[in-house]
Protein backbone atom coordinates (compact mmCIF):
# COMPACT_ATOMS: atom_id res chain seq x y z
CA MET A 1 -4.58 -14.27 -56.31
CA PRO A 2 -2.61 -15.44 -53.33
CA ALA A 3 0.49 -13.68 -52.72
CA HIS A 4 3.31 -14.59 -50.50
CA PRO A 5 3.52 -11.27 -48.10
CA ALA A 6 7.12 -11.14 -47.82
CA ALA A 7 10.65 -11.04 -49.74
CA ILE A 8 11.49 -14.81 -50.34
CA GLN A 9 15.64 -15.30 -50.09
CA ALA A 10 17.72 -18.40 -51.41
CA SER A 11 21.42 -18.76 -52.05
CA ILE A 12 22.63 -21.26 -54.62
CA SER A 13 26.28 -22.00 -55.23
CA ALA A 14 28.54 -21.44 -58.26
CA ASP A 15 28.30 -25.02 -59.23
CA GLY A 16 24.11 -24.69 -59.02
CA LEU A 17 23.06 -26.07 -55.79
CA LEU A 18 20.63 -24.61 -53.41
CA LEU A 19 22.27 -23.79 -50.32
CA SER A 20 19.77 -22.13 -48.40
CA ALA A 21 15.92 -21.21 -49.56
CA ASP A 22 12.97 -19.83 -47.78
CA GLU A 23 10.07 -22.28 -47.36
CA PRO A 24 7.77 -21.38 -50.48
CA LEU A 25 10.69 -21.73 -52.65
CA LEU A 26 12.14 -25.12 -50.60
CA ALA A 27 8.55 -26.31 -51.49
CA LEU A 28 8.74 -25.54 -54.68
CA GLN A 29 12.33 -27.32 -55.07
CA ARG A 30 10.92 -30.43 -53.13
CA GLU A 31 7.76 -30.42 -55.95
CA THR A 32 10.64 -30.96 -58.33
CA GLY A 33 11.73 -33.98 -56.73
CA ALA A 34 14.94 -32.26 -55.65
CA ASN A 35 15.95 -30.92 -51.93
CA LEU A 36 18.23 -28.40 -50.00
CA GLY A 37 22.15 -29.14 -51.09
CA GLU A 38 21.09 -30.69 -54.47
CA ARG A 39 20.96 -28.78 -57.50
CA LEU A 40 18.39 -26.23 -58.15
CA ALA A 41 15.54 -27.69 -60.06
CA ILE A 42 13.44 -24.97 -60.84
CA PRO A 43 14.83 -24.15 -64.46
CA GLN A 44 13.57 -20.71 -64.65
CA LEU A 45 15.25 -19.41 -61.62
CA ALA A 46 18.57 -21.51 -62.34
CA ALA A 47 18.81 -19.54 -65.44
CA VAL A 48 18.54 -16.22 -63.79
CA ALA A 49 21.31 -17.14 -61.52
CA ARG A 50 23.50 -18.47 -64.16
CA LEU A 51 22.88 -15.35 -65.96
CA ALA A 52 23.92 -12.94 -62.86
CA VAL A 53 27.11 -15.16 -62.47
CA ARG A 54 27.99 -14.68 -66.47
CA LEU A 55 27.72 -11.18 -66.35
CA GLY A 56 28.91 -10.59 -62.72
CA ILE A 57 25.81 -7.93 -62.13
CA VAL A 58 22.48 -7.96 -60.42
CA VAL A 59 20.03 -9.21 -62.68
CA SER A 60 15.84 -8.39 -61.95
CA ARG A 61 13.26 -10.35 -64.28
CA PRO A 62 10.08 -11.36 -64.15
CA VAL A 63 9.85 -15.34 -63.85
CA THR A 64 6.88 -17.65 -64.30
CA ALA A 65 6.92 -21.44 -62.80
CA ALA A 66 4.11 -23.81 -63.41
CA THR A 67 3.36 -26.50 -60.42
CA GLU A 68 0.31 -28.70 -60.86
CA ARG A 69 -1.89 -26.66 -58.87
CA CYS A 70 -1.25 -23.08 -60.08
CA ASP A 71 1.24 -20.94 -62.16
CA ILE A 72 3.39 -18.74 -59.91
CA ASP A 73 4.26 -15.43 -61.20
CA MET A 74 7.77 -14.19 -59.59
CA TRP A 75 9.81 -10.84 -59.79
CA VAL A 76 13.30 -12.23 -59.17
CA GLN A 77 16.41 -10.46 -58.47
CA ALA A 78 19.85 -12.55 -58.67
CA ARG A 79 22.87 -11.10 -57.22
CA PRO A 80 26.39 -12.34 -57.47
CA GLU A 81 28.14 -12.80 -54.07
CA GLY A 82 31.63 -14.39 -54.37
CA LYS A 83 31.07 -18.06 -55.84
CA ALA A 84 27.61 -17.81 -55.00
CA VAL A 85 24.39 -16.15 -55.87
CA HIS A 86 21.56 -14.54 -53.61
CA LEU A 87 18.21 -14.87 -54.84
CA SER A 88 15.44 -12.55 -53.74
CA VAL A 89 11.90 -12.97 -54.81
CA ILE A 90 10.21 -9.68 -54.03
CA ASP A 91 6.91 -10.39 -55.79
CA TRP A 92 5.51 -14.02 -55.36
CA GLN A 93 1.73 -14.11 -57.16
CA GLU A 94 -0.13 -17.43 -57.66
CA ARG A 95 -2.47 -17.99 -60.48
CA PRO A 96 -4.81 -21.06 -60.17
CA VAL A 97 -4.72 -23.28 -63.14
CA ILE A 98 -7.93 -24.86 -64.45
CA ALA A 99 -7.84 -28.40 -64.64
CA VAL A 100 -9.72 -30.35 -67.33
CA ARG A 101 -9.89 -34.42 -67.18
CA ASN A 102 -11.09 -36.43 -70.12
CA ASN A 103 -9.15 -39.73 -69.88
CA GLY A 104 -6.43 -37.93 -68.50
CA SER A 105 -5.14 -34.31 -67.83
CA LEU A 106 -4.98 -31.89 -70.98
CA LEU A 107 -3.19 -28.92 -71.39
CA GLU A 108 -5.22 -25.39 -72.21
CA ALA A 109 -3.35 -25.71 -75.57
CA ASP A 110 -4.42 -29.07 -76.33
CA LEU A 111 -8.16 -28.21 -74.93
CA ALA A 112 -8.29 -25.40 -77.82
CA ALA A 113 -6.97 -27.34 -80.33
CA VAL A 114 -9.47 -30.44 -79.80
CA ALA A 115 -12.48 -28.08 -79.61
CA ASP A 116 -15.68 -28.75 -81.35
CA GLY A 117 -16.43 -25.63 -83.88
CA TRP A 118 -14.89 -24.25 -86.88
CA SER A 119 -11.18 -23.44 -87.23
CA TRP A 120 -9.46 -20.14 -87.90
CA GLN A 121 -5.86 -18.39 -87.81
CA VAL A 122 -4.76 -15.36 -87.35
CA ASP A 123 -1.41 -13.40 -87.29
CA THR A 124 -0.05 -11.13 -84.38
CA GLN A 125 -2.26 -8.26 -86.10
CA LEU A 126 -5.52 -10.18 -85.59
CA ARG A 127 -5.85 -10.55 -89.57
CA PHE A 128 -6.97 -13.72 -90.93
CA GLN A 129 -4.51 -16.09 -92.59
CA MET A 130 -6.71 -19.01 -92.69
CA VAL A 131 -10.75 -18.95 -93.27
CA LEU A 132 -13.00 -20.68 -91.32
CA GLU A 133 -13.70 -24.20 -92.31
CA GLY A 134 -15.44 -26.89 -90.93
CA ALA A 135 -19.05 -28.42 -91.08
CA ASP A 136 -21.75 -25.76 -90.58
CA PRO A 137 -25.22 -27.85 -90.01
CA ASP A 138 -27.14 -25.13 -88.68
CA GLY A 139 -26.25 -22.36 -91.56
CA ILE A 140 -24.84 -20.05 -88.78
CA LEU A 141 -22.17 -18.98 -90.93
CA PRO A 142 -22.21 -16.15 -93.64
CA ALA A 143 -21.97 -17.67 -97.22
CA GLY A 144 -19.26 -15.87 -97.73
CA PRO A 145 -16.34 -16.71 -95.21
CA PRO A 146 -13.52 -14.00 -94.72
CA ALA A 147 -10.49 -13.54 -97.05
CA ALA A 148 -6.96 -14.31 -96.12
CA GLY A 149 -5.83 -10.77 -94.87
CA SER A 150 -9.02 -9.22 -93.65
CA PRO A 151 -9.41 -8.03 -90.09
CA PHE A 152 -10.63 -10.45 -87.27
CA SER A 153 -12.92 -7.52 -86.09
CA SER A 154 -14.36 -7.65 -89.70
CA TYR A 155 -16.28 -11.12 -88.99
CA PHE A 156 -16.28 -11.59 -85.21
CA GLN A 157 -17.17 -8.75 -82.91
CA LEU A 158 -15.51 -9.33 -79.35
CA GLN A 159 -17.33 -9.06 -76.33
CA PRO A 160 -15.90 -8.68 -72.74
CA ASP A 161 -17.19 -10.80 -69.82
CA GLU A 162 -18.87 -9.62 -66.78
CA ASP A 163 -15.33 -8.08 -65.39
CA GLY A 164 -14.80 -6.22 -68.70
CA ASP A 165 -11.85 -8.78 -69.59
CA MET A 166 -11.57 -10.35 -72.99
CA ALA A 167 -9.86 -13.67 -72.76
CA ILE A 168 -8.66 -13.65 -76.41
CA LEU A 169 -6.53 -10.16 -75.62
CA ARG A 170 -5.08 -11.75 -72.54
CA GLY A 171 -4.00 -14.90 -74.44
CA PHE A 172 -2.14 -12.19 -76.89
CA THR A 173 -0.62 -10.46 -74.15
CA GLN A 174 0.55 -13.65 -72.04
CA ARG A 175 1.23 -15.56 -75.19
CA ARG A 176 -1.02 -18.20 -73.66
CA ALA A 177 -3.92 -20.37 -74.98
CA PHE A 178 -7.36 -19.13 -74.06
CA ARG A 179 -10.97 -19.89 -73.85
CA ASN A 180 -14.42 -18.60 -73.69
CA GLN A 181 -13.99 -15.45 -75.33
CA LEU A 182 -17.65 -14.39 -76.25
CA ALA A 183 -18.18 -13.10 -79.60
CA CYS A 184 -20.89 -12.45 -82.23
CA LEU A 185 -20.67 -12.00 -86.00
CA THR A 186 -20.23 -8.72 -87.06
CA SER A 187 -22.74 -8.93 -89.62
CA ASP A 188 -25.29 -10.66 -87.21
CA PRO A 189 -25.09 -9.73 -83.56
CA ALA A 190 -27.56 -12.54 -82.93
CA LYS A 191 -25.36 -15.55 -83.75
CA ARG A 192 -23.16 -15.82 -81.04
CA PHE A 193 -19.76 -17.99 -80.35
CA HIS A 194 -16.93 -18.96 -77.98
CA LEU A 195 -14.12 -18.94 -79.41
CA SER A 196 -10.89 -20.68 -77.90
CA GLY A 197 -7.38 -20.51 -79.28
CA PHE A 198 -3.59 -21.32 -78.75
CA PRO A 199 -0.51 -19.48 -79.59
CA LEU A 200 1.84 -20.21 -82.90
CA PHE A 201 5.65 -19.50 -82.86
CA ASP A 202 7.86 -19.30 -85.36
CA LEU A 203 11.41 -21.18 -85.44
CA THR A 204 12.96 -18.19 -83.57
CA GLY A 205 10.56 -18.54 -80.62
CA GLN A 206 8.77 -15.35 -81.59
CA LEU A 207 4.75 -15.34 -81.67
CA SER A 208 3.52 -15.69 -85.03
CA GLY A 209 -0.20 -15.65 -84.42
CA PHE A 210 -3.12 -17.79 -82.96
CA ARG A 211 -4.92 -20.93 -84.12
CA GLY A 212 -8.62 -21.92 -82.91
CA LYS A 213 -11.93 -22.93 -83.07
CA ALA A 214 -15.40 -20.98 -83.05
CA PHE A 215 -18.13 -22.91 -81.13
CA ALA A 216 -21.72 -21.53 -82.20
CA LEU A 217 -23.57 -20.99 -79.09
CA ASP A 218 -27.36 -22.42 -78.69
CA LEU A 219 -29.67 -20.42 -80.66
CA ALA A 220 -32.36 -21.36 -78.52
CA VAL A 221 -30.90 -19.00 -75.87
CA PRO A 222 -32.44 -15.42 -76.02
CA VAL A 223 -29.70 -12.69 -76.39
CA PRO A 224 -29.31 -10.27 -73.73
CA GLU A 225 -29.89 -6.90 -74.31
CA ILE A 226 -26.88 -4.93 -74.24
CA ALA A 227 -27.26 -1.90 -71.58
CA ALA A 228 -25.76 1.21 -72.18
CA PRO A 229 -22.08 1.46 -71.23
CA ALA A 230 -21.95 2.54 -67.67
CA ALA A 231 -19.17 4.85 -66.28
CA LEU A 232 -16.26 2.95 -65.97
CA ASP A 233 -15.50 2.21 -61.99
CA PRO A 234 -11.71 3.76 -60.74
CA LEU A 235 -11.30 0.48 -58.81
CA ALA A 236 -12.12 -1.95 -61.92
CA PHE A 237 -10.24 0.40 -63.98
CA GLY A 238 -7.01 0.41 -61.59
CA LYS A 239 -7.28 -3.73 -61.95
CA ARG A 240 -7.90 -3.99 -65.71
CA LEU A 241 -4.71 -1.41 -66.01
CA ASP A 242 -2.41 -3.69 -63.67
CA ARG A 243 -3.40 -6.88 -65.26
CA SER A 244 -3.07 -5.53 -68.77
CA LEU A 245 0.20 -3.58 -68.56
CA ARG A 246 2.52 -5.84 -66.15
CA GLN A 247 3.27 -8.75 -67.94
CA PRO A 248 3.80 -6.99 -71.47
CA LEU A 249 6.08 -4.51 -69.60
CA GLY A 250 8.23 -7.17 -67.55
CA ARG A 251 8.71 -8.70 -71.03
CA ILE A 252 10.30 -5.53 -72.76
CA ILE A 253 12.39 -5.09 -69.73
CA ALA A 254 13.91 -8.51 -69.72
CA ASN A 255 14.01 -8.30 -73.38
CA ALA A 256 15.98 -4.98 -73.55
CA ASP A 257 18.08 -6.09 -70.80
CA THR A 258 18.86 -9.03 -72.90
CA ILE A 259 20.15 -7.20 -75.85
CA SER A 260 21.81 -4.66 -73.74
CA ALA A 261 23.87 -7.33 -72.54
CA GLN A 262 24.63 -8.68 -75.72
CA LEU A 263 23.98 -12.08 -74.83
CA GLU A 264 23.57 -13.29 -78.38
CA GLY A 265 26.36 -11.46 -79.63
CA PRO A 266 27.79 -8.17 -79.96
CA LEU A 267 26.23 -5.26 -80.82
CA ARG A 268 27.14 -1.86 -82.08
CA PRO A 269 27.24 0.56 -78.80
CA ASP A 270 24.69 2.61 -79.99
CA TYR A 271 22.28 -0.27 -80.50
CA ALA A 272 23.11 -1.57 -76.93
CA GLY A 273 22.46 1.77 -75.46
CA TYR A 274 19.06 2.15 -77.23
CA ALA A 275 18.30 -1.17 -75.43
CA GLN A 276 19.37 -0.11 -72.30
CA ASP A 277 17.40 3.52 -72.67
CA ILE A 278 13.81 0.79 -73.34
CA ALA A 279 15.10 -1.16 -70.16
CA VAL A 280 15.12 2.02 -68.09
CA ALA A 281 11.94 3.56 -69.53
CA GLY A 282 10.08 0.25 -69.26
CA ARG A 283 11.19 0.03 -65.18
CA HIS A 284 10.13 3.71 -65.30
CA LEU A 285 6.33 2.67 -66.45
CA MET A 286 6.17 -0.48 -64.28
CA ALA A 287 6.80 1.84 -61.15
CA LEU A 288 3.88 4.03 -62.40
CA VAL A 289 1.85 0.73 -62.83
CA ASP A 290 2.79 -0.18 -59.24
CA ASP A 291 2.18 3.23 -57.87
CA LEU A 292 -1.30 3.61 -59.66
CA ALA A 293 -2.13 -0.20 -58.10
CA ASP A 294 -1.43 0.96 -54.80
CA LEU A 295 -3.32 4.10 -54.93
CA GLN A 296 -6.28 2.52 -56.00
CA ALA A 297 -5.78 0.08 -53.04
CA ILE A 298 -5.35 2.43 -50.39
CA ASP A 299 -7.79 5.03 -51.29
CA ARG A 300 -10.53 2.10 -50.45
CA PRO A 301 -12.26 2.61 -47.47
CA ASP A 302 -11.85 -1.02 -46.63
CA PHE A 303 -8.21 -1.16 -46.91
CA THR A 304 -6.24 -2.93 -44.28
CA VAL A 305 -2.77 -4.36 -43.40
CA ALA A 306 -1.72 -7.19 -41.86
CA SER A 307 -0.36 -6.72 -38.30
CA GLU A 308 2.89 -9.03 -37.77
CA ALA A 309 6.11 -8.94 -35.87
CA VAL A 310 8.83 -6.73 -38.06
CA ASP A 311 12.13 -6.05 -37.28
CA LEU A 312 13.03 -2.39 -38.49
CA ALA A 313 16.60 -2.93 -38.78
CA ASP A 314 16.56 -6.19 -40.67
CA VAL A 315 14.24 -4.64 -42.92
CA GLY A 316 16.39 -1.61 -43.30
CA ARG A 317 19.26 -4.03 -44.19
CA ARG A 318 17.00 -5.56 -46.91
CA ALA A 319 16.10 -2.49 -48.53
CA ALA A 320 19.45 -1.51 -48.94
CA GLY A 321 20.65 -4.31 -50.28
CA LEU A 322 18.18 -4.32 -52.95
CA LEU A 323 19.09 -0.62 -54.11
CA GLY A 324 22.96 -1.54 -53.78
CA VAL A 325 23.24 -1.48 -57.12
CA LYS A 326 21.47 1.74 -57.74
CA ALA A 327 23.43 3.75 -55.24
CA LEU A 328 26.55 2.19 -56.84
CA ASP A 329 25.70 3.56 -59.86
CA ARG A 330 25.89 6.92 -58.37
CA GLN A 331 28.73 6.22 -56.21
CA ILE A 332 26.76 6.77 -53.23
CA THR A 333 27.43 4.72 -50.07
CA LEU A 334 24.93 3.15 -48.09
CA LEU A 335 24.94 3.10 -44.26
CA PRO A 336 22.37 0.17 -43.26
CA PRO A 337 22.10 -0.70 -39.42
CA GLU A 338 24.65 -3.07 -38.04
CA ALA A 339 24.35 -6.77 -38.92
CA ASP A 340 23.37 -7.35 -34.80
CA GLU A 341 21.05 -4.35 -34.30
CA SER A 342 17.34 -5.43 -33.94
CA VAL A 343 14.36 -3.16 -33.73
CA PRO A 344 11.30 -5.16 -33.26
CA ALA A 345 8.15 -3.60 -34.18
CA ARG A 346 4.30 -4.27 -35.23
CA GLY A 347 3.36 -3.78 -39.22
CA GLU A 348 3.18 -6.00 -42.18
CA PHE A 349 6.92 -6.92 -43.55
CA ARG A 350 5.86 -6.34 -47.19
CA ARG A 351 4.41 -2.99 -46.65
CA VAL A 352 7.21 -1.63 -44.36
CA LEU A 353 9.80 -3.00 -46.99
CA GLN A 354 7.99 -1.27 -49.76
CA ILE A 355 8.25 2.16 -47.51
CA LEU A 356 11.90 1.71 -46.83
CA VAL A 357 12.87 1.34 -50.79
CA ASN A 358 10.60 4.24 -51.62
CA LEU A 359 12.47 6.15 -49.11
CA ILE A 360 16.01 4.94 -49.82
CA GLY A 361 15.35 5.18 -53.45
CA ASN A 362 14.54 8.96 -53.14
CA ALA A 363 17.71 9.65 -50.99
CA ILE A 364 19.68 8.10 -53.37
CA ARG A 365 17.94 9.96 -56.54
CA TYR A 366 18.45 13.32 -54.85
CA SER A 367 21.68 13.27 -53.05
CA PRO A 368 24.98 14.56 -54.73
CA GLU A 369 27.21 11.92 -55.96
CA LYS A 370 29.86 10.33 -53.63
CA SER A 371 27.84 10.89 -50.52
CA ALA A 372 26.42 8.64 -48.12
CA VAL A 373 22.71 7.81 -47.12
CA ARG A 374 22.38 6.55 -43.61
CA ILE A 375 19.58 4.27 -42.24
CA GLU A 376 19.20 4.40 -38.53
CA THR A 377 17.00 2.93 -35.97
CA GLY A 378 15.64 3.51 -32.08
CA ARG A 379 12.84 2.95 -29.86
CA GLU A 380 11.27 5.55 -27.48
CA ASP A 381 8.07 5.71 -25.81
CA GLY A 382 6.60 2.35 -26.72
CA ARG A 383 7.39 3.25 -30.75
CA SER A 384 10.05 1.81 -32.74
CA HIS A 385 11.42 4.09 -35.66
CA ILE A 386 13.75 3.94 -38.79
CA ALA A 387 15.05 6.71 -40.45
CA VAL A 388 16.89 7.36 -43.74
CA ALA A 389 18.97 10.58 -43.54
CA ASP A 390 20.58 11.93 -46.70
CA GLN A 391 23.34 14.63 -47.74
CA GLY A 392 21.35 16.38 -50.26
CA SER A 393 19.85 19.77 -50.81
CA GLY A 394 16.92 19.03 -48.01
CA ILE A 395 13.23 20.67 -48.26
CA ALA A 396 12.45 23.87 -46.78
CA PRO A 397 10.39 23.75 -43.82
CA GLU A 398 6.92 25.07 -45.17
CA ASP A 399 7.66 22.17 -47.75
CA ARG A 400 7.63 19.58 -45.17
CA GLU A 401 4.24 18.44 -45.52
CA ARG A 402 3.53 19.25 -49.31
CA VAL A 403 6.08 16.21 -50.05
CA PHE A 404 3.31 13.89 -48.62
CA GLU A 405 0.49 15.26 -50.92
CA LYS A 406 -0.84 13.08 -53.91
CA PHE A 407 1.16 14.07 -57.04
CA GLU A 408 3.50 16.71 -55.35
CA ARG A 409 6.99 16.93 -56.87
CA LEU A 410 7.77 20.23 -55.52
CA GLY A 411 8.51 21.81 -58.84
CA ARG A 412 11.05 18.94 -60.16
CA ASP A 413 11.58 19.11 -63.58
CA ASP A 414 12.99 15.55 -64.09
CA GLN A 415 10.94 12.68 -65.18
CA VAL A 416 11.57 10.32 -62.48
CA GLY A 417 8.84 9.38 -60.20
CA SER A 418 4.87 9.91 -60.37
CA GLY A 419 4.78 12.21 -57.23
CA LEU A 420 2.61 9.02 -55.27
CA GLY A 421 5.51 7.61 -53.57
CA LEU A 422 5.46 9.19 -50.42
CA TYR A 423 1.77 9.73 -50.19
CA ILE A 424 1.44 6.37 -50.50
CA SER A 425 3.91 5.65 -48.11
CA ARG A 426 2.40 7.53 -45.37
CA ARG A 427 -0.93 6.31 -45.92
CA LEU A 428 0.59 2.83 -45.48
CA ALA A 429 2.29 3.81 -42.38
CA ARG A 430 -1.08 5.37 -40.78
CA ALA A 431 -2.74 2.07 -41.78
CA MET A 432 -0.19 -0.01 -39.69
CA GLY A 433 -0.72 2.22 -36.56
CA GLY A 434 2.44 4.27 -37.39
CA ASP A 435 3.52 7.60 -39.26
CA ILE A 436 6.33 9.28 -41.45
CA HIS A 437 7.58 12.76 -40.77
CA MET A 438 10.37 14.49 -41.84
CA GLU A 439 13.44 16.67 -40.48
CA GLY A 440 15.87 18.72 -41.84
CA GLU A 441 16.56 22.15 -42.80
CA ALA A 442 16.84 23.24 -46.67
CA GLY A 443 20.62 22.89 -47.83
CA GLN A 444 21.44 20.34 -45.11
CA GLY A 445 20.13 17.22 -45.99
CA ALA A 446 16.94 15.40 -45.41
CA ARG A 447 15.93 12.69 -42.69
CA PHE A 448 12.44 10.81 -43.12
CA ILE A 449 11.53 9.01 -40.22
CA LEU A 450 9.11 5.99 -40.31
CA THR A 451 7.52 5.12 -36.76
CA LEU A 452 5.57 1.97 -36.13
CA PRO A 453 4.14 0.73 -32.42
CA ALA A 454 6.71 -1.49 -30.72
CA ASP A 455 6.48 -5.25 -30.52
């Protein structure tokens, strides 16, 4: 799955014109037939920008844009700036779309709808709403079809593919059409099928179930023996966890934000507060998923990072911009490097930004209200560095190395964070030929310093 290595920026005027954009977004704009200086023609991004202007706050949410060659999953932040809106895409993931042609292109849902086989329909709880129907020349189906309301699993036993994935469950999670879900009859495992289906929605746009076809596989093909389940590989588990949780959590967060903002009309204050709590909890879980995904990646022996020119001062300013609202909530002043300051270094932009967002986020979280967090840069002896200094309680000298250990939280009993951020940050820094260390006495604030090779 291709991913863009750096944050992608764009600026939109109050009347919806695209004023500036980095190349990936500009290419997407041109693919729609529009250009720079014209109205933003990517409806999903335009909607996020309009929402940010309407509410007057920073809005962050997942967005999916479809092109002819791929679907693009993005995590977008829209920040109002006067009469304009600044967009930052901090996660750009491209998913190839399987193109099937037969006298023209067919969408996945169309393919599922016209496939051969027996029809079925289930609700969101995977209970039959419509029994199987259609011709059965080979007599594969049992004589008694499933009754409406009976569980899908009472008729079909789903089987994972070679990656341990199930297309039907991914389809339910993403609310998309699916194909080639392998299944067998629960009453006769020797009778195998490929299932395809497409989502159904009610008048309010909510998912109401799936309708699809069951296509019998060739009975002449021998049924392979099912080996005993092997121990789950940690890497495969991490990938499956990341894939299964990220999109559902993104939808939970987006919907909770919409409810909390009362976009569909006024709500009781306690209900809006519940929605805000759900959004906060969702973001906490999303951060845990991100940490677990990074953990399984950096602990691999073949883990590598890119080496590119990075301006530490510029990355520091970008990280401070991403966390500006969080600092404002706690009345903390962020002091990033000056606009004309530049400190060239070698590293991977995306990873350096990740480290600084973690360091600045920690400083904001553990600093007293109405204090300041300073971001300073420098260069010495062929090494470039950037430091994040807060005015919090600091860390005792004997604990300076402990904070970089896996799952270490120094006895804190708050529910924020996983204890992995600093461990991951140091591993990333060392993978780029640098390091992270800290200074500061207990009671006098903490100063975390990221060093990288100078460019």
